[in-house]
Amino acid sequence: MKATETLLKGCFILEPNVFEDDRGYFFESYNSHSLASVLGFSPTFVQDNQSKSSYGVVRGLHMQTGEHGQAKLVRVLEGCVLDVAVDVRKNSSTFGQFVAVELSAENRKQLFIPRGFLHGFSVLSETAIFSYKCDNFYHRESENGIHPLDADLAIDWGVTSGQILLSDKDREAQSFAAFRSVLNSCER
């Protein structure tokens, strides 16, 4: 496996070793030993999630907070997405910065997103099946998020603005400024 740390410390792009021949291909989509050698620790994943979405869907930016925070290992089984991780760790030198990586069934890339990050993706293909592992269980009361089209973050989701599809929850999500304000008030 090839691992490349992004500009956000602890957030890695992972590319598997793929063995192809005239029969098709084979690769390890997950190996705890290989991941531990990259990260320096071995996350224990406890939940797998999968979604199917059509072109223009933007899901996110979501996270869980506190003791229910989640690290994620994300990949695409069918289609293509633009996957985005935003660093919102309180004392991080890259707080408020994000990384955007195209993940597809064809390129087989994965993204490891540590705890303390917002996460979202947009669908760039006709449809996409998105899969991810979490190192903590879903906990509704610990949900938090930021509007994916927030002007302060200015994420280019790779979808024409008139074709972006958001859930009601994402459409009503708070701004990054409001999120930061609450975070700062917790430090006092």
Protein backbone atom coordinates (compact mmCIF):
# COMPACT_ATOMS: atom_id res chain seq x y z
CA MET A 1 0.00 0.00 0.00
CA LYS A 2 1.19 3.49 -0.86
CA ALA A 3 0.34 6.10 1.79
CA THR A 4 0.60 9.86 1.31
CA GLU A 5 -0.04 12.21 4.22
CA THR A 6 -2.02 15.25 3.13
CA LEU A 7 -1.26 18.78 4.32
CA LEU A 8 -3.57 17.95 7.26
CA LYS A 9 -1.58 16.00 9.85
CA GLY A 10 -2.92 12.48 10.33
CA CYS A 11 -5.09 12.52 7.19
CA PHE A 12 -3.76 10.04 4.61
CA ILE A 13 -4.50 9.10 1.01
CA LEU A 14 -4.09 5.33 0.70
CA GLU A 15 -3.54 3.48 -2.58
CA PRO A 16 -3.63 -0.33 -2.53
CA ASN A 17 -1.32 -2.63 -4.42
CA VAL A 18 -3.54 -3.93 -7.22
CA PHE A 19 -2.85 -7.23 -8.98
CA GLU A 20 -4.47 -7.30 -12.42
CA ASP A 21 -4.53 -9.82 -15.22
CA ASP A 22 -6.92 -10.99 -17.95
CA ARG A 23 -9.27 -12.41 -15.26
CA GLY A 24 -9.72 -9.07 -13.50
CA TYR A 25 -8.04 -7.71 -10.39
CA PHE A 26 -7.40 -8.33 -6.70
CA PHE A 27 -6.38 -6.00 -3.87
CA GLU A 28 -6.60 -5.78 -0.09
CA SER A 29 -9.13 -3.05 0.63
CA TYR A 30 -8.27 -3.15 4.33
CA ASN A 31 -5.39 -4.62 6.31
CA SER A 32 -5.03 -3.58 9.96
CA HIS A 33 -1.27 -4.24 10.01
CA SER A 34 -0.62 -2.13 6.89
CA LEU A 35 -2.76 0.72 8.20
CA ALA A 36 -1.06 0.59 11.61
CA SER A 37 2.36 0.83 9.95
CA VAL A 38 1.22 4.06 8.22
CA LEU A 39 -0.61 5.65 11.15
CA GLY A 40 1.60 4.47 14.00
CA PHE A 41 -1.45 3.00 15.74
CA SER A 42 -4.16 0.54 14.85
CA PRO A 43 -7.68 1.95 14.83
CA THR A 44 -10.39 -0.51 15.81
CA PHE A 45 -13.22 -0.09 13.37
CA VAL A 46 -16.62 -0.97 14.83
CA GLN A 47 -19.10 0.10 12.17
CA ASP A 48 -19.26 0.04 8.35
CA ASN A 49 -21.60 2.40 6.49
CA GLN A 50 -22.59 2.54 2.84
CA SER A 51 -24.63 4.99 0.77
CA LYS A 52 -25.73 5.30 -2.83
CA SER A 53 -26.23 8.75 -4.31
CA SER A 54 -26.79 10.34 -7.70
CA TYR A 55 -24.88 13.07 -9.52
CA GLY A 56 -24.83 16.41 -7.72
CA VAL A 57 -25.55 15.08 -4.24
CA VAL A 58 -23.37 16.70 -1.59
CA ARG A 59 -23.37 14.90 1.77
CA GLY A 60 -21.75 16.73 4.65
CA LEU A 61 -20.01 18.40 6.27
CA HIS A 62 -20.58 16.11 9.26
CA MET A 63 -18.81 14.91 12.38
CA GLN A 64 -19.42 13.54 15.83
CA THR A 65 -17.94 15.35 18.80
CA GLY A 66 -16.45 14.54 22.19
CA GLU A 67 -16.11 10.95 23.30
CA HIS A 68 -18.24 9.91 20.33
CA GLY A 69 -15.86 11.35 17.72
CA GLN A 70 -15.10 9.10 14.78
CA ALA A 71 -12.09 8.38 12.62
CA LYS A 72 -13.10 7.13 9.18
CA LEU A 73 -11.59 5.09 6.37
CA VAL A 74 -13.55 5.99 3.23
CA ARG A 75 -13.67 4.61 -0.31
CA VAL A 76 -15.87 4.35 -3.38
CA LEU A 77 -17.20 1.02 -4.61
CA GLU A 78 -18.91 2.37 -7.73
CA GLY A 79 -18.63 5.72 -9.48
CA CYS A 80 -16.64 8.78 -8.47
CA VAL A 81 -16.81 11.36 -5.66
CA LEU A 82 -14.89 14.36 -4.45
CA ASP A 83 -14.17 13.58 -0.81
CA VAL A 84 -13.49 16.46 1.59
CA ALA A 85 -12.02 16.50 5.11
CA VAL A 86 -11.90 19.76 7.10
CA ASP A 87 -9.59 20.05 10.11
CA VAL A 88 -11.49 21.41 13.13
CA ARG A 89 -9.13 20.21 15.87
CA LYS A 90 -8.97 23.09 18.38
CA ASN A 91 -5.20 23.54 18.54
CA SER A 92 -4.27 22.39 15.06
CA SER A 93 -2.02 24.60 12.94
CA THR A 94 -4.25 23.68 9.96
CA PHE A 95 -7.56 24.48 11.71
CA GLY A 96 -10.19 25.41 9.10
CA GLN A 97 -8.17 24.04 6.20
CA PHE A 98 -9.42 21.19 4.07
CA VAL A 99 -8.24 18.56 1.66
CA ALA A 100 -10.28 17.39 -1.34
CA VAL A 101 -9.46 14.07 -3.01
CA GLU A 102 -11.14 12.37 -5.93
CA LEU A 103 -12.02 8.83 -4.93
CA SER A 104 -13.38 6.40 -7.48
CA ALA A 105 -13.95 2.72 -8.14
CA GLU A 106 -11.39 3.11 -10.91
CA ASN A 107 -8.53 4.73 -8.94
CA ARG A 108 -9.31 2.65 -5.78
CA LYS A 109 -7.91 5.38 -3.51
CA GLN A 110 -9.05 5.62 0.09
CA LEU A 111 -8.84 8.44 2.60
CA PHE A 112 -8.15 7.98 6.29
CA ILE A 113 -9.74 10.84 8.25
CA PRO A 114 -8.78 11.12 11.93
CA ARG A 115 -11.09 12.24 14.72
CA GLY A 116 -11.60 15.99 14.90
CA PHE A 117 -12.44 16.44 11.21
CA LEU A 118 -15.60 17.36 9.39
CA HIS A 119 -16.27 15.09 6.44
CA GLY A 120 -18.34 15.27 3.28
CA PHE A 121 -18.41 14.29 -0.37
CA SER A 122 -20.00 15.21 -3.67
CA VAL A 123 -21.00 12.76 -6.39
CA LEU A 124 -19.26 13.45 -9.71
CA SER A 125 -20.53 10.41 -11.63
CA GLU A 126 -24.08 9.44 -12.59
CA THR A 127 -24.29 7.46 -9.33
CA ALA A 128 -21.82 6.47 -6.65
CA ILE A 129 -21.71 3.85 -3.93
CA PHE A 130 -19.68 5.17 -1.00
CA SER A 131 -18.41 2.99 1.85
CA TYR A 132 -16.66 3.84 5.07
CA LYS A 133 -15.43 2.32 8.29
CA CYS A 134 -15.83 4.15 11.62
CA ASP A 135 -13.84 3.61 14.82
CA ASN A 136 -16.81 4.62 17.02
CA PHE A 137 -20.53 3.97 16.92
CA TYR A 138 -23.02 6.51 15.63
CA HIS A 139 -24.41 8.71 18.42
CA ARG A 140 -27.15 11.14 17.32
CA GLU A 141 -26.69 13.56 20.25
CA SER A 142 -23.02 14.05 19.30
CA GLU A 143 -23.71 15.05 15.69
CA ASN A 144 -22.37 18.36 14.49
CA GLY A 145 -21.92 19.90 11.08
CA ILE A 146 -21.34 22.90 8.88
CA HIS A 147 -23.20 23.97 5.76
CA PRO A 148 -21.27 22.43 2.85
CA LEU A 149 -21.57 25.62 0.77
CA ASP A 150 -20.22 27.87 3.54
CA ALA A 151 -18.57 30.96 2.01
CA ASP A 152 -15.70 31.00 4.56
CA LEU A 153 -14.62 27.49 3.58
CA ALA A 154 -15.31 28.09 -0.15
CA ILE A 155 -15.11 24.41 -1.10
CA ASP A 156 -15.42 23.75 -4.82
CA TRP A 157 -17.45 20.54 -4.84
CA GLY A 158 -16.93 20.01 -8.59
CA VAL A 159 -20.67 20.24 -9.26
CA THR A 160 -22.46 23.11 -11.01
CA SER A 161 -24.17 25.14 -8.28
CA GLY A 162 -27.63 24.72 -9.84
CA GLN A 163 -27.21 20.94 -9.77
CA ILE A 164 -26.15 20.55 -6.13
CA LEU A 165 -28.59 18.42 -4.08
CA LEU A 166 -28.56 18.83 -0.29
CA SER A 167 -30.57 17.18 2.46
CA ASP A 168 -32.72 19.40 4.67
CA LYS A 169 -30.26 18.77 7.51
CA ASP A 170 -27.30 19.99 5.43
CA ARG A 171 -29.25 22.94 3.98
CA GLU A 172 -30.03 24.10 7.54
CA ALA A 173 -26.56 23.45 8.99
CA GLN A 174 -24.67 26.22 10.79
CA SER A 175 -21.98 28.40 9.24
CA PHE A 176 -18.29 27.84 9.85
CA ALA A 177 -18.19 31.17 11.74
CA ALA A 178 -20.95 29.97 14.11
CA PHE A 179 -19.16 26.63 14.59
CA ARG A 180 -15.87 28.41 15.36
CA SER A 181 -17.61 30.81 17.76
CA VAL A 182 -19.08 27.93 19.77
CA LEU A 183 -15.71 26.15 19.78
CA ASN A 184 -13.95 29.31 21.01
CA SER A 185 -16.54 29.91 23.75
CA CYS A 186 -15.88 26.37 25.06
CA GLU A 187 -12.22 27.25 25.61
CA ARG A 188 -12.98 30.08 28.03
